[in-house]
Amino acid sequence: MLSEHRRAGNGIDRSRLVVSSAVAAVLLLVPLTACSGGSELSTPSDSGATTTPAGTTTSAPDQAIENGLYYYPPVQAATLKYESSGGLGAATTDVTVNSVTSGADGQTVAVTEVISSAGGQPVTVERTLHTGADGSLRMNAGAFFAFGAGFTVAAEGDDIVIPSVADLEAGKESTGSTFVELSGSGMSMRNDVSYTIKGAGRESVTVPAGTAEAYVVELELDITSSIAGAATGHSRYWFVPGFGLVRQEFTVTVMSGTTELVSSSVPLP
């Protein structure tokens, strides 16, 4: 599968595109997604999908609340704020859910992210995230590799896969590989990524937005960058089923960082 993603923004912090920063971007910015090598990610045009009307809200189905993993709440017009520290430096991400499209194959959530960091211009990211009918979370790794205007990102290969909560609790793991190419402004870079995803059980987690019972997902990565060479990484994600990400921690080489949910217009379950 080949896809391209573009970012809108003014100014590029080039120091974030070199050596360890290029590798750390995988863990800091690649949350989770789903699709095994033989799975179909796109929604067929005749699937009967319906889009939630603008200005209304929807909640995930009961079964999705129990078993479905979302990256952001499947609620039209929801707004969220995340703060990150460590790693590539302090940053704030403001998220708006633009639409929620439901169909026989699950739900697709389209969002706008505005990423702001000290000393840099905000970068706006438009992307979609898909939760399958089986509760798995799906998205393309290429959506997380551009830092400013004028860059094009292409990802080819297996998307990153997170099985449903039910599958994770049954001990199912997900593995795959992909590569991501970044080009623009006189430079190019390729990152080859192999990953393993597994569940680490449920636990209570407290973030600035509140306290919730979350499911912990662990991601192990082997990364080979055309700029930075080889590296390994580890990340833990705290997902509230039916809601989405509330906390993330990552470590790669000598770099580590944390992202937490600061506020949400949708209450934590």
Protein backbone atom coordinates (compact mmCIF):
# COMPACT_ATOMS: atom_id res chain seq x y z
CA MET A 1 0.00 0.00 0.00
CA LEU A 2 1.39 3.40 -0.99
CA SER A 3 0.11 6.66 0.35
CA GLU A 4 1.24 10.27 0.60
CA HIS A 5 0.69 12.81 3.36
CA ARG A 6 1.44 16.53 3.28
CA ARG A 7 1.81 19.02 6.12
CA ALA A 8 0.87 22.69 6.14
CA GLY A 9 2.97 25.08 8.21
CA ASN A 10 5.50 27.86 8.10
CA GLY A 11 9.14 27.28 8.92
CA ILE A 12 11.02 24.03 9.44
CA ASP A 13 13.19 23.16 12.40
CA ARG A 14 15.88 21.26 10.47
CA SER A 15 17.56 20.02 13.64
CA ARG A 16 14.53 17.76 14.12
CA LEU A 17 15.23 15.97 10.85
CA VAL A 18 18.70 14.64 11.55
CA VAL A 19 20.36 11.71 13.27
CA SER A 20 18.61 10.54 16.45
CA SER A 21 15.74 13.00 16.06
CA ALA A 22 14.80 11.38 12.78
CA VAL A 23 14.64 7.98 14.46
CA ALA A 24 12.90 9.20 17.61
CA ALA A 25 10.16 10.68 15.46
CA VAL A 26 8.94 7.16 14.83
CA LEU A 27 8.16 6.57 18.50
CA LEU A 28 7.19 10.10 19.43
CA LEU A 29 4.80 10.67 16.55
CA VAL A 30 3.73 7.24 15.33
CA PRO A 31 0.91 6.26 17.53
CA LEU A 32 -0.85 3.13 16.46
CA THR A 33 -2.62 1.47 13.72
CA ALA A 34 -3.83 -1.56 12.37
CA CYS A 35 -3.76 -3.77 9.41
CA SER A 36 -2.18 -7.12 8.94
CA GLY A 37 -0.49 -7.78 5.64
CA GLY A 38 -3.61 -9.27 4.10
CA SER A 39 -6.15 -6.86 5.55
CA GLU A 40 -8.02 -4.25 3.55
CA LEU A 41 -7.87 -0.76 5.05
CA SER A 42 -9.90 1.33 2.65
CA THR A 43 -13.66 1.68 2.92
CA PRO A 44 -15.34 0.35 -0.25
CA SER A 45 -17.46 2.94 -2.03
CA ASP A 46 -20.48 0.65 -1.83
CA SER A 47 -20.04 -0.32 1.82
CA GLY A 48 -23.05 1.72 2.93
CA ALA A 49 -20.92 4.01 5.06
CA THR A 50 -22.59 7.06 6.56
CA THR A 51 -21.00 10.26 7.82
CA THR A 52 -22.10 11.92 11.04
CA PRO A 53 -23.66 15.34 10.20
CA ALA A 54 -21.59 18.35 11.14
CA GLY A 55 -22.36 19.77 14.54
CA THR A 56 -23.71 16.52 15.99
CA THR A 57 -22.03 14.01 18.27
CA THR A 58 -21.88 10.27 18.22
CA SER A 59 -20.72 7.71 20.73
CA ALA A 60 -19.01 4.45 19.88
CA PRO A 61 -21.23 1.34 19.84
CA ASP A 62 -21.43 -0.64 23.09
CA GLN A 63 -19.23 -3.40 21.74
CA ALA A 64 -16.63 -0.83 20.66
CA ILE A 65 -16.62 0.63 24.16
CA GLU A 66 -15.65 -2.80 25.48
CA ASN A 67 -13.31 -4.05 22.76
CA GLY A 68 -12.61 -1.24 20.29
CA LEU A 69 -9.44 0.83 20.25
CA TYR A 70 -9.64 4.41 19.04
CA TYR A 71 -6.84 6.92 18.81
CA TYR A 72 -9.22 9.84 19.37
CA PRO A 73 -12.85 9.74 20.54
CA PRO A 74 -15.27 8.91 17.69
CA VAL A 75 -17.30 12.04 18.48
CA GLN A 76 -18.02 14.76 15.93
CA ALA A 77 -16.55 18.17 16.89
CA ALA A 78 -14.65 16.80 19.90
CA THR A 79 -11.57 18.80 20.90
CA LEU A 80 -8.54 17.51 22.80
CA LYS A 81 -5.19 18.86 23.95
CA TYR A 82 -2.02 16.83 24.53
CA GLU A 83 1.30 17.99 25.96
CA SER A 84 4.62 16.28 25.24
CA SER A 85 7.92 16.59 27.09
CA GLY A 86 11.41 15.18 26.70
CA GLY A 87 12.53 13.60 23.43
CA LEU A 88 12.40 16.28 20.75
CA GLY A 89 11.40 18.97 23.24
CA ALA A 90 8.18 20.33 24.71
CA ALA A 91 5.19 20.46 22.36
CA THR A 92 1.42 20.87 22.45
CA THR A 93 -1.00 19.14 20.09
CA ASP A 94 -4.53 20.51 19.68
CA VAL A 95 -6.92 18.02 18.06
CA THR A 96 -10.33 18.59 16.48
CA VAL A 97 -12.48 15.68 15.28
CA ASN A 98 -13.89 16.78 11.93
CA SER A 99 -16.08 13.80 11.06
CA VAL A 100 -16.95 10.24 12.05
CA THR A 101 -17.86 7.89 9.22
CA SER A 102 -19.51 4.55 10.06
CA GLY A 103 -19.84 1.52 7.83
CA ALA A 104 -19.87 -2.26 7.79
CA ASP A 105 -16.08 -2.30 8.19
CA GLY A 106 -15.99 -0.02 11.25
CA GLN A 107 -15.56 3.68 11.89
CA THR A 108 -13.21 6.25 10.34
CA VAL A 109 -12.36 9.35 12.36
CA ALA A 110 -11.00 12.37 10.43
CA VAL A 111 -9.09 14.90 12.52
CA THR A 112 -7.04 18.09 12.34
CA GLU A 113 -3.98 18.31 14.57
CA VAL A 114 -2.15 21.57 15.25
CA ILE A 115 1.32 20.88 16.69
CA SER A 116 3.10 23.75 18.44
CA SER A 117 6.58 23.77 19.93
CA ALA A 118 8.73 26.45 21.53
CA GLY A 119 10.62 28.51 19.01
CA GLY A 120 8.84 27.05 15.98
CA GLN A 121 5.82 27.79 13.83
CA PRO A 122 2.72 25.61 14.33
CA VAL A 123 2.32 22.70 11.93
CA THR A 124 -1.16 21.55 10.86
CA VAL A 125 -1.77 17.86 10.13
CA GLU A 126 -4.91 16.42 8.52
CA ARG A 127 -5.35 12.67 8.92
CA THR A 128 -7.78 9.82 9.34
CA LEU A 129 -7.79 6.89 11.73
CA HIS A 130 -9.78 3.69 11.29
CA THR A 131 -11.20 1.32 13.89
CA GLY A 132 -12.32 -1.91 12.27
CA ALA A 133 -15.51 -3.80 13.00
CA ASP A 134 -13.34 -6.24 14.98
CA GLY A 135 -12.15 -3.40 17.26
CA SER A 136 -8.62 -3.11 15.81
CA LEU A 137 -7.02 0.30 15.31
CA ARG A 138 -5.61 1.16 11.88
CA MET A 139 -3.55 3.93 10.30
CA ASN A 140 -0.64 4.51 7.97
CA ALA A 141 2.79 5.18 9.46
CA GLY A 142 3.56 7.78 6.81
CA ALA A 143 1.18 10.23 8.46
CA PHE A 144 3.75 11.08 11.13
CA PHE A 145 6.97 11.92 9.33
CA ALA A 146 6.80 15.51 8.05
CA PHE A 147 7.66 18.53 10.15
CA GLY A 148 6.89 21.48 7.92
CA ALA A 149 5.72 22.85 4.61
CA GLY A 150 7.34 21.60 1.42
CA PHE A 151 7.88 18.00 2.54
CA THR A 152 6.24 14.91 1.06
CA VAL A 153 6.02 11.60 2.89
CA ALA A 154 5.28 8.21 1.34
CA ALA A 155 4.79 4.97 3.29
CA GLU A 156 4.71 1.56 1.63
CA GLY A 157 4.26 -1.85 3.23
CA ASP A 158 2.21 -3.13 6.14
CA ASP A 159 0.50 -0.50 8.25
CA ILE A 160 1.15 -0.69 11.98
CA VAL A 161 -1.41 -3.02 13.57
CA ILE A 162 -3.06 -2.94 16.98
CA PRO A 163 -5.47 -5.82 17.55
CA SER A 164 -8.71 -5.35 19.49
CA VAL A 165 -8.70 -5.40 23.29
CA ALA A 166 -10.25 -8.87 23.20
CA ASP A 167 -7.45 -10.18 20.98
CA LEU A 168 -4.76 -8.50 23.07
CA GLU A 169 -6.17 -9.99 26.25
CA ALA A 170 -6.13 -13.38 24.55
CA GLY A 171 -2.38 -12.95 24.01
CA LYS A 172 -2.47 -12.08 20.33
CA GLU A 173 0.53 -10.10 19.05
CA SER A 174 0.87 -8.08 15.87
CA THR A 175 4.02 -7.87 13.77
CA GLY A 176 4.87 -6.19 10.50
CA SER A 177 7.22 -3.93 8.60
CA THR A 178 7.06 -0.80 6.49
CA PHE A 179 9.29 1.90 5.15
CA VAL A 180 8.73 5.63 5.07
CA GLU A 181 10.43 8.07 2.69
CA LEU A 182 10.68 11.80 3.35
CA SER A 183 11.69 14.23 0.61
CA GLY A 184 11.76 17.97 0.09
CA SER A 185 13.86 21.12 0.57
CA GLY A 186 16.92 19.47 -0.96
CA MET A 187 17.00 16.36 1.24
CA SER A 188 15.65 12.84 1.34
CA MET A 189 15.51 10.19 4.05
CA ARG A 190 14.23 6.63 4.32
CA ASN A 191 13.23 4.86 7.54
CA ASP A 192 12.74 1.08 7.50
CA VAL A 193 10.62 -0.03 10.45
CA SER A 194 9.82 -3.49 11.83
CA TYR A 195 7.47 -3.71 14.79
CA THR A 196 5.86 -5.99 17.35
CA ILE A 197 2.75 -4.97 19.30
CA LYS A 198 1.37 -6.74 22.35
CA GLY A 199 -1.02 -6.02 25.21
CA ALA A 200 0.18 -5.37 28.75
CA GLY A 201 -3.13 -5.51 30.61
CA ARG A 202 -5.44 -2.92 32.15
CA GLU A 203 -4.48 -0.35 34.75
CA SER A 204 -5.68 2.92 36.20
CA VAL A 205 -3.85 5.94 34.79
CA THR A 206 -3.95 9.56 35.95
CA VAL A 207 -3.20 12.42 33.54
CA PRO A 208 -4.02 16.15 33.77
CA ALA A 209 -7.40 15.45 32.12
CA GLY A 210 -8.41 12.98 34.84
CA THR A 211 -8.19 9.34 35.89
CA ALA A 212 -9.41 6.40 33.84
CA GLU A 213 -9.09 2.65 33.45
CA ALA A 214 -6.87 2.12 30.41
CA TYR A 215 -5.52 -0.74 28.36
CA VAL A 216 -1.73 -0.69 27.98
CA VAL A 217 -0.22 -1.49 24.59
CA GLU A 218 3.52 -2.04 24.12
CA LEU A 219 5.28 -1.36 20.82
CA GLU A 220 8.80 -2.65 20.05
CA LEU A 221 10.55 -1.19 17.00
CA ASP A 222 13.66 -1.95 14.97
CA ILE A 223 14.45 1.11 12.88
CA THR A 224 17.03 1.62 10.14
CA SER A 225 17.36 5.21 8.94
CA SER A 226 19.31 6.31 5.88
CA ILE A 227 20.53 9.25 7.99
CA ALA A 228 20.76 7.89 11.53
CA GLY A 229 21.55 4.22 10.96
CA ALA A 230 20.09 1.41 13.09
CA ALA A 231 18.24 1.85 16.38
CA THR A 232 15.71 0.09 18.56
CA GLY A 233 12.84 1.65 20.43
CA HIS A 234 10.15 0.88 22.96
CA SER A 235 6.86 2.66 23.54
CA ARG A 236 3.89 2.19 25.88
CA TYR A 237 0.45 3.57 25.11
CA TRP A 238 -2.46 3.92 27.53
CA PHE A 239 -5.74 3.61 25.61
CA VAL A 240 -9.17 3.98 27.17
CA PRO A 241 -11.37 1.60 25.10
CA GLY A 242 -14.03 3.51 23.16
CA PHE A 243 -12.24 6.83 23.86
CA GLY A 244 -8.60 6.82 22.80
CA LEU A 245 -5.08 7.75 23.85
CA VAL A 246 -4.51 9.31 27.28
CA ARG A 247 -0.78 8.73 27.78
CA GLN A 248 2.32 7.61 25.86
CA GLU A 249 5.92 6.96 26.92
CA PHE A 250 8.79 6.17 24.56
CA THR A 251 12.49 5.40 24.69
CA VAL A 252 14.86 5.19 21.73
CA THR A 253 18.66 5.08 22.09
CA VAL A 254 19.41 7.80 24.69
CA MET A 255 16.17 9.70 24.10
CA SER A 256 12.88 9.40 25.96
CA GLY A 257 9.65 11.35 26.21
CA THR A 258 6.08 11.45 27.48
CA THR A 259 2.76 12.63 26.02
CA GLU A 260 -0.34 13.15 28.18
CA LEU A 261 -3.94 14.20 27.64
CA VAL A 262 -4.41 17.62 29.22
CA SER A 263 -8.04 18.34 28.37
CA SER A 264 -10.95 16.92 26.36
CA SER A 265 -14.42 18.12 25.50
CA VAL A 266 -15.49 14.46 25.77
CA PRO A 267 -15.35 13.22 29.37
CA LEU A 268 -13.13 10.28 30.15
CA PRO A 269 -15.22 7.13 30.72
